Amino acid sequence: MHLRPDRLRAHAAEAADMADALARLGRAPGPAGGLVDTAVARARRELAEVERSLRSAAAAAEAADHAAENALWRAGGRW
């Protein structure tokens, strides 16, 4: 599996943008407004979780790449 930290961060930024867009919607009108507001709040929380997970995955992928590069370097030179 090849993880690309730059793409993971780009997807994290998109998730954050979507959460921000939902936050700007305001409260839903009408009798079903409470249900809609609850669904929007849940979507915002889930998008925030996706963002955090993607940013963590990007950091972990970079750390793994650096660790592998360092191990190869110590094992006999640059590959």
PDB file of N, CA and C in Angstrom:
ATOM      1  N   MET A   1       0.851  -1.174   0.000  1.00  0.00           N
ATOM      2  CA  MET A   1       0.000   0.000   0.000  1.00  0.00           C
ATOM      3  C   MET A   1       0.894   1.234   0.000  1.00  0.00           C
ATOM      4  N   HIS A   2       0.601   2.146  -0.853  1.00  0.00           N
ATOM      5  CA  HIS A   2       1.396   3.362  -0.949  1.00  0.00           C
ATOM      6  C   HIS A   2       0.540   4.545  -0.507  1.00  0.00           C
ATOM      7  N   LEU A   3       0.935   5.154   0.595  1.00  0.00           N
ATOM      8  CA  LEU A   3       0.211   6.314   1.106  1.00  0.00           C
ATOM      9  C   LEU A   3       0.940   7.574   0.682  1.00  0.00           C
ATOM     10  N   ARG A   4       0.214   8.521   0.165  1.00  0.00           N
ATOM     11  CA  ARG A   4       0.804   9.787  -0.247  1.00  0.00           C
ATOM     12  C   ARG A   4       0.355  10.868   0.727  1.00  0.00           C
ATOM     13  N   PRO A   5       1.265  11.297   1.606  1.00  0.00           N
ATOM     14  CA  PRO A   5       0.903  12.283   2.625  1.00  0.00           C
ATOM     15  C   PRO A   5       0.299  13.557   2.042  1.00  0.00           C
ATOM     16  N   ASP A   6       0.788  14.015   0.914  1.00  0.00           N
ATOM     17  CA  ASP A   6       0.244  15.235   0.324  1.00  0.00           C
ATOM     18  C   ASP A   6      -1.216  15.063  -0.062  1.00  0.00           C
ATOM     19  N   ARG A   7      -1.552  13.913  -0.614  1.00  0.00           N
ATOM     20  CA  ARG A   7      -2.956  13.653  -0.977  1.00  0.00           C
ATOM     21  C   ARG A   7      -3.824  13.468   0.258  1.00  0.00           C
ATOM     22  N   LEU A   8      -3.282  12.806   1.269  1.00  0.00           N
ATOM     23  CA  LEU A   8      -4.041  12.634   2.508  1.00  0.00           C
ATOM     24  C   LEU A   8      -4.355  13.988   3.133  1.00  0.00           C
ATOM     25  N   ARG A   9      -3.373  14.891   3.133  1.00  0.00           N
ATOM     26  CA  ARG A   9      -3.611  16.231   3.686  1.00  0.00           C
ATOM     27  C   ARG A   9      -4.620  17.007   2.837  1.00  0.00           C
ATOM     28  N   ALA A  10      -4.567  16.838   1.522  1.00  0.00           N
ATOM     29  CA  ALA A  10      -5.535  17.516   0.652  1.00  0.00           C
ATOM     30  C   ALA A  10      -6.950  17.020   0.940  1.00  0.00           C
ATOM     31  N   HIS A  11      -7.096  15.721   1.134  1.00  0.00           N
ATOM     32  CA  HIS A  11      -8.420  15.176   1.460  1.00  0.00           C
ATOM     33  C   HIS A  11      -8.871  15.660   2.841  1.00  0.00           C
ATOM     34  N   ALA A  12      -7.942  15.771   3.775  1.00  0.00           N
ATOM     35  CA  ALA A  12      -8.278  16.281   5.105  1.00  0.00           C
ATOM     36  C   ALA A  12      -8.783  17.718   5.003  1.00  0.00           C
ATOM     37  N   ALA A  13      -8.138  18.518   4.162  1.00  0.00           N
ATOM     38  CA  ALA A  13      -8.576  19.907   3.981  1.00  0.00           C
ATOM     39  C   ALA A  13      -9.969  19.954   3.361  1.00  0.00           C
ATOM     40  N   GLU A  14     -10.244  19.054   2.441  1.00  0.00           N
ATOM     41  CA  GLU A  14     -11.585  19.006   1.838  1.00  0.00           C
ATOM     42  C   GLU A  14     -12.638  18.639   2.882  1.00  0.00           C
ATOM     43  N   ALA A  15     -12.320  17.701   3.752  1.00  0.00           N
ATOM     44  CA  ALA A  15     -13.260  17.328   4.815  1.00  0.00           C
ATOM     45  C   ALA A  15     -13.516  18.520   5.738  1.00  0.00           C
ATOM     46  N   ALA A  16     -12.456  19.264   6.052  1.00  0.00           N
ATOM     47  CA  ALA A  16     -12.621  20.453   6.893  1.00  0.00           C
ATOM     48  C   ALA A  16     -13.482  21.498   6.196  1.00  0.00           C
ATOM     49  N   ASP A  17     -13.274  21.671   4.899  1.00  0.00           N
ATOM     50  CA  ASP A  17     -14.093  22.625   4.145  1.00  0.00           C
ATOM     51  C   ASP A  17     -15.564  22.224   4.141  1.00  0.00           C
ATOM     52  N   MET A  18     -15.823  20.928   3.995  1.00  0.00           N
ATOM     53  CA  MET A  18     -17.212  20.455   4.013  1.00  0.00           C
ATOM     54  C   MET A  18     -17.847  20.694   5.381  1.00  0.00           C
ATOM     55  N   ALA A  19     -17.093  20.438   6.440  1.00  0.00           N
ATOM     56  CA  ALA A  19     -17.616  20.679   7.796  1.00  0.00           C
ATOM     57  C   ALA A  19     -17.910  22.164   7.993  1.00  0.00           C
ATOM     58  N   ASP A  20     -17.027  23.018   7.486  1.00  0.00           N
ATOM     59  CA  ASP A  20     -17.257  24.468   7.586  1.00  0.00           C
ATOM     60  C   ASP A  20     -18.499  24.886   6.810  1.00  0.00           C
ATOM     61  N   ALA A  21     -18.684  24.304   5.641  1.00  0.00           N
ATOM     62  CA  ALA A  21     -19.866  24.633   4.837  1.00  0.00           C
ATOM     63  C   ALA A  21     -21.146  24.230   5.577  1.00  0.00           C
ATOM     64  N   LEU A  22     -21.121  23.075   6.223  1.00  0.00           N
ATOM     65  CA  LEU A  22     -22.290  22.653   6.999  1.00  0.00           C
ATOM     66  C   LEU A  22     -22.532  23.594   8.171  1.00  0.00           C
ATOM     67  N   ALA A  23     -21.464  24.082   8.781  1.00  0.00           N
ATOM     68  CA  ALA A  23     -21.612  24.997   9.912  1.00  0.00           C
ATOM     69  C   ALA A  23     -22.268  26.306   9.491  1.00  0.00           C
ATOM     70  N   ARG A  24     -22.038  26.710   8.263  1.00  0.00           N
ATOM     71  CA  ARG A  24     -22.612  27.970   7.771  1.00  0.00           C
ATOM     72  C   ARG A  24     -24.083  27.845   7.369  1.00  0.00           C
ATOM     73  N   LEU A  25     -24.613  26.644   7.348  1.00  0.00           N
ATOM     74  CA  LEU A  25     -26.011  26.467   6.938  1.00  0.00           C
ATOM     75  C   LEU A  25     -26.997  27.114   7.899  1.00  0.00           C
ATOM     76  N   GLY A  26     -26.661  27.130   9.147  1.00  0.00           N
ATOM     77  CA  GLY A  26     -27.608  27.653  10.126  1.00  0.00           C
ATOM     78  C   GLY A  26     -28.648  26.604  10.468  1.00  0.00           C
ATOM     79  N   ARG A  27     -29.637  27.021  11.225  1.00  0.00           N
ATOM     80  CA  ARG A  27     -30.669  26.086  11.663  1.00  0.00           C
ATOM     81  C   ARG A  27     -31.684  25.849  10.562  1.00  0.00           C
ATOM     82  N   ALA A  28     -32.164  24.633  10.504  1.00  0.00           N
ATOM     83  CA  ALA A  28     -33.170  24.265   9.513  1.00  0.00           C
ATOM     84  C   ALA A  28     -34.545  24.762   9.952  1.00  0.00           C
ATOM     85  N   PRO A  29     -35.318  25.284   9.012  1.00  0.00           N
ATOM     86  CA  PRO A  29     -36.668  25.750   9.357  1.00  0.00           C
ATOM     87  C   PRO A  29     -37.674  24.595   9.370  1.00  0.00           C
ATOM     88  N   GLY A  30     -38.816  24.867   9.894  1.00  0.00           N
ATOM     89  CA  GLY A  30     -39.930  23.931   9.807  1.00  0.00           C
ATOM     90  C   GLY A  30     -39.974  22.903  10.917  1.00  0.00           C
ATOM     91  N   PRO A  31     -41.025  22.082  10.873  1.00  0.00           N
ATOM     92  CA  PRO A  31     -41.246  21.111  11.939  1.00  0.00           C
ATOM     93  C   PRO A  31     -40.166  20.023  12.004  1.00  0.00           C
ATOM     94  N   ALA A  32     -39.530  19.731  10.899  1.00  0.00           N
ATOM     95  CA  ALA A  32     -38.487  18.705  10.904  1.00  0.00           C
ATOM     96  C   ALA A  32     -37.105  19.305  11.150  1.00  0.00           C
ATOM     97  N   GLY A  33     -37.059  20.586  11.477  1.00  0.00           N
ATOM     98  CA  GLY A  33     -35.791  21.278  11.663  1.00  0.00           C
ATOM     99  C   GLY A  33     -34.876  20.623  12.684  1.00  0.00           C
ATOM    100  N   GLY A  34     -35.447  20.153  13.768  1.00  0.00           N
ATOM    101  CA  GLY A  34     -34.631  19.515  14.807  1.00  0.00           C
ATOM    102  C   GLY A  34     -33.928  18.268  14.297  1.00  0.00           C
ATOM    103  N   LEU A  35     -34.654  17.477  13.512  1.00  0.00           N
ATOM    104  CA  LEU A  35     -34.050  16.263  12.947  1.00  0.00           C
ATOM    105  C   LEU A  35     -32.946  16.611  11.957  1.00  0.00           C
ATOM    106  N   VAL A  36     -33.197  17.617  11.142  1.00  0.00           N
ATOM    107  CA  VAL A  36     -32.198  18.048  10.165  1.00  0.00           C
ATOM    108  C   VAL A  36     -30.972  18.595  10.887  1.00  0.00           C
ATOM    109  N   ASP A  37     -31.189  19.422  11.884  1.00  0.00           N
ATOM    110  CA  ASP A  37     -30.067  19.986  12.640  1.00  0.00           C
ATOM    111  C   ASP A  37     -29.228  18.891  13.294  1.00  0.00           C
ATOM    112  N   THR A  38     -29.893  17.873  13.813  1.00  0.00           N
ATOM    113  CA  THR A  38     -29.182  16.754  14.430  1.00  0.00           C
ATOM    114  C   THR A  38     -28.334  16.016  13.396  1.00  0.00           C
ATOM    115  N   ALA A  39     -28.900  15.793  12.221  1.00  0.00           N
ATOM    116  CA  ALA A  39     -28.162  15.106  11.157  1.00  0.00           C
ATOM    117  C   ALA A  39     -26.971  15.938  10.692  1.00  0.00           C
ATOM    118  N   VAL A  40     -27.157  17.236  10.569  1.00  0.00           N
ATOM    119  CA  VAL A  40     -26.066  18.120  10.141  1.00  0.00           C
ATOM    120  C   VAL A  40     -24.965  18.148  11.201  1.00  0.00           C
ATOM    121  N   ALA A  41     -25.337  18.213  12.462  1.00  0.00           N
ATOM    122  CA  ALA A  41     -24.340  18.219  13.537  1.00  0.00           C
ATOM    123  C   ALA A  41     -23.547  16.910  13.540  1.00  0.00           C
ATOM    124  N   ARG A  42     -24.226  15.807  13.313  1.00  0.00           N
ATOM    125  CA  ARG A  42     -23.533  14.517  13.262  1.00  0.00           C
ATOM    126  C   ARG A  42     -22.582  14.468  12.072  1.00  0.00           C
ATOM    127  N   ALA A  43     -23.019  14.961  10.932  1.00  0.00           N
ATOM    128  CA  ALA A  43     -22.158  14.984   9.748  1.00  0.00           C
ATOM    129  C   ALA A  43     -20.920  15.840   9.997  1.00  0.00           C
ATOM    130  N   ARG A  44     -21.108  16.967  10.669  1.00  0.00           N
ATOM    131  CA  ARG A  44     -19.955  17.827  10.998  1.00  0.00           C
ATOM    132  C   ARG A  44     -18.963  17.097  11.896  1.00  0.00           C
ATOM    133  N   ARG A  45     -19.466  16.398  12.904  1.00  0.00           N
ATOM    134  CA  ARG A  45     -18.580  15.641  13.801  1.00  0.00           C
ATOM    135  C   ARG A  45     -17.831  14.549  13.035  1.00  0.00           C
ATOM    136  N   GLU A  46     -18.544  13.864  12.167  1.00  0.00           N
ATOM    137  CA  GLU A  46     -17.912  12.788  11.399  1.00  0.00           C
ATOM    138  C   GLU A  46     -16.866  13.337  10.432  1.00  0.00           C
ATOM    139  N   LEU A  47     -17.156  14.469   9.809  1.00  0.00           N
ATOM    140  CA  LEU A  47     -16.166  15.081   8.920  1.00  0.00           C
ATOM    141  C   LEU A  47     -14.935  15.536   9.701  1.00  0.00           C
ATOM    142  N   ALA A  48     -15.133  16.040  10.892  1.00  0.00           N
ATOM    143  CA  ALA A  48     -13.995  16.431  11.734  1.00  0.00           C
ATOM    144  C   ALA A  48     -13.164  15.204  12.099  1.00  0.00           C
ATOM    145  N   GLU A  49     -13.822  14.088  12.365  1.00  0.00           N
ATOM    146  CA  GLU A  49     -13.098  12.850  12.670  1.00  0.00           C
ATOM    147  C   GLU A  49     -12.325  12.356  11.453  1.00  0.00           C
ATOM    148  N   VAL A  50     -12.942  12.441  10.284  1.00  0.00           N
ATOM    149  CA  VAL A  50     -12.259  12.055   9.042  1.00  0.00           C
ATOM    150  C   VAL A  50     -11.026  12.932   8.835  1.00  0.00           C
ATOM    151  N   GLU A  51     -11.186  14.223   9.051  1.00  0.00           N
ATOM    152  CA  GLU A  51     -10.053  15.140   8.896  1.00  0.00           C
ATOM    153  C   GLU A  51      -8.907  14.745   9.822  1.00  0.00           C
ATOM    154  N   ARG A  52      -9.210  14.524  11.097  1.00  0.00           N
ATOM    155  CA  ARG A  52      -8.165  14.139  12.054  1.00  0.00           C
ATOM    156  C   ARG A  52      -7.489  12.832  11.653  1.00  0.00           C
ATOM    157  N   SER A  53      -8.286  11.874  11.210  1.00  0.00           N
ATOM    158  CA  SER A  53      -7.732  10.575  10.820  1.00  0.00           C
ATOM    159  C   SER A  53      -6.819  10.702   9.606  1.00  0.00           C
ATOM    160  N   LEU A  54      -7.233  11.497   8.634  1.00  0.00           N
ATOM    161  CA  LEU A  54      -6.412  11.676   7.440  1.00  0.00           C
ATOM    162  C   LEU A  54      -5.113  12.410   7.769  1.00  0.00           C
ATOM    163  N   ARG A  55      -5.188  13.412   8.625  1.00  0.00           N
ATOM    164  CA  ARG A  55      -3.965  14.125   9.017  1.00  0.00           C
ATOM    165  C   ARG A  55      -3.027  13.200   9.802  1.00  0.00           C
ATOM    166  N   SER A  56      -3.582  12.367  10.659  1.00  0.00           N
ATOM    167  CA  SER A  56      -2.768  11.402  11.399  1.00  0.00           C
ATOM    168  C   SER A  56      -2.137  10.379  10.462  1.00  0.00           C
ATOM    169  N   ALA A  57      -2.910   9.917   9.491  1.00  0.00           N
ATOM    170  CA  ALA A  57      -2.374   8.957   8.516  1.00  0.00           C
ATOM    171  C   ALA A  57      -1.246   9.577   7.706  1.00  0.00           C
ATOM    172  N   ALA A  58      -1.386  10.841   7.332  1.00  0.00           N
ATOM    173  CA  ALA A  58      -0.325  11.525   6.586  1.00  0.00           C
ATOM    174  C   ALA A  58       0.942  11.613   7.418  1.00  0.00           C
ATOM    175  N   ALA A  59       0.810  11.977   8.684  1.00  0.00           N
ATOM    176  CA  ALA A  59       1.977  12.075   9.560  1.00  0.00           C
ATOM    177  C   ALA A  59       2.622  10.704   9.754  1.00  0.00           C
ATOM    178  N   ALA A  60       1.814   9.680   9.924  1.00  0.00           N
ATOM    179  CA  ALA A  60       2.350   8.327  10.109  1.00  0.00           C
ATOM    180  C   ALA A  60       3.055   7.832   8.849  1.00  0.00           C
ATOM    181  N   ALA A  61       2.486   8.129   7.694  1.00  0.00           N
ATOM    182  CA  ALA A  61       3.111   7.717   6.430  1.00  0.00           C
ATOM    183  C   ALA A  61       4.461   8.396   6.253  1.00  0.00           C
ATOM    184  N   GLU A  62       4.526   9.678   6.561  1.00  0.00           N
ATOM    185  CA  GLU A  62       5.807  10.387   6.461  1.00  0.00           C
ATOM    186  C   GLU A  62       6.822   9.819   7.443  1.00  0.00           C
ATOM    187  N   ALA A  63       6.393   9.539   8.658  1.00  0.00           N
ATOM    188  CA  ALA A  63       7.303   8.977   9.657  1.00  0.00           C
ATOM    189  C   ALA A  63       7.815   7.605   9.212  1.00  0.00           C
ATOM    190  N   ALA A  64       6.940   6.787   8.649  1.00  0.00           N
ATOM    191  CA  ALA A  64       7.341   5.463   8.174  1.00  0.00           C
ATOM    192  C   ALA A  64       8.316   5.584   7.010  1.00  0.00           C
ATOM    193  N   ASP A  65       8.061   6.506   6.097  1.00  0.00           N
ATOM    194  CA  ASP A  65       8.978   6.726   4.974  1.00  0.00           C
ATOM    195  C   ASP A  65      10.364   7.132   5.476  1.00  0.00           C
ATOM    196  N   HIS A  66      10.390   8.053   6.437  1.00  0.00           N
ATOM    197  CA  HIS A  66      11.674   8.502   6.979  1.00  0.00           C
ATOM    198  C   HIS A  66      12.390   7.369   7.710  1.00  0.00           C
ATOM    199  N   ALA A  67      11.653   6.590   8.465  1.00  0.00           N
ATOM    200  CA  ALA A  67      12.258   5.479   9.193  1.00  0.00           C
ATOM    201  C   ALA A  67      12.824   4.444   8.227  1.00  0.00           C
ATOM    202  N   ALA A  68      12.084   4.147   7.165  1.00  0.00           N
ATOM    203  CA  ALA A  68      12.565   3.184   6.175  1.00  0.00           C
ATOM    204  C   ALA A  68      13.803   3.720   5.460  1.00  0.00           C
ATOM    205  N   GLU A  69      13.770   4.995   5.107  1.00  0.00           N
ATOM    206  CA  GLU A  69      14.922   5.601   4.444  1.00  0.00           C
ATOM    207  C   GLU A  69      16.153   5.545   5.348  1.00  0.00           C
ATOM    208  N   ASN A  70      15.976   5.870   6.616  1.00  0.00           N
ATOM    209  CA  ASN A  70      17.091   5.823   7.565  1.00  0.00           C
ATOM    210  C   ASN A  70      17.622   4.404   7.733  1.00  0.00           C
ATOM    211  N   ALA A  71      16.733   3.420   7.788  1.00  0.00           N
ATOM    212  CA  ALA A  71      17.162   2.030   7.930  1.00  0.00           C
ATOM    213  C   ALA A  71      17.943   1.582   6.705  1.00  0.00           C
ATOM    214  N   LEU A  72      17.479   1.946   5.529  1.00  0.00           N
ATOM    215  CA  LEU A  72      18.201   1.589   4.303  1.00  0.00           C
ATOM    216  C   LEU A  72      19.556   2.275   4.242  1.00  0.00           C
ATOM    217  N   TRP A  73      19.593   3.505   4.680  1.00  0.00           N
ATOM    218  CA  TRP A  73      20.851   4.260   4.703  1.00  0.00           C
ATOM    219  C   TRP A  73      21.873   3.564   5.609  1.00  0.00           C
ATOM    220  N   ARG A  74      21.402   3.178   6.808  1.00  0.00           N
ATOM    221  CA  ARG A  74      22.290   2.499   7.742  1.00  0.00           C
ATOM    222  C   ARG A  74      22.715   1.125   7.226  1.00  0.00           C
ATOM    223  N   ALA A  75      21.861   0.492   6.435  1.00  0.00           N
ATOM    224  CA  ALA A  75      22.142  -0.858   5.943  1.00  0.00           C
ATOM    225  C   ALA A  75      23.129  -0.879   4.786  1.00  0.00           C
ATOM    226  N   GLY A  76      23.437   0.266   4.224  1.00  0.00           N
ATOM    227  CA  GLY A  76      24.423   0.166   3.157  1.00  0.00           C
ATOM    228  C   GLY A  76      24.391   1.282   2.145  1.00  0.00           C
ATOM    229  N   GLY A  77      23.786   2.346   2.447  1.00  0.00           N
ATOM    230  CA  GLY A  77      23.823   3.450   1.510  1.00  0.00           C
ATOM    231  C   GLY A  77      22.454   3.830   0.989  1.00  0.00           C
ATOM    232  N   ARG A  78      22.464   4.838   0.224  1.00  0.00           N
ATOM    233  CA  ARG A  78      21.212   5.388  -0.297  1.00  0.00           C
ATOM    234  C   ARG A  78      20.684   4.531  -1.427  1.00  0.00           C
ATOM    235  N   TRP A  79      19.392   4.270  -1.427  1.00  0.00           N
ATOM    236  CA  TRP A  79      18.775   3.434  -2.455  1.00  0.00           C
ATOM    237  C   TRP A  79      18.153   4.286  -3.477  1.00  0.00           C
TER     238      TRP A  79
END
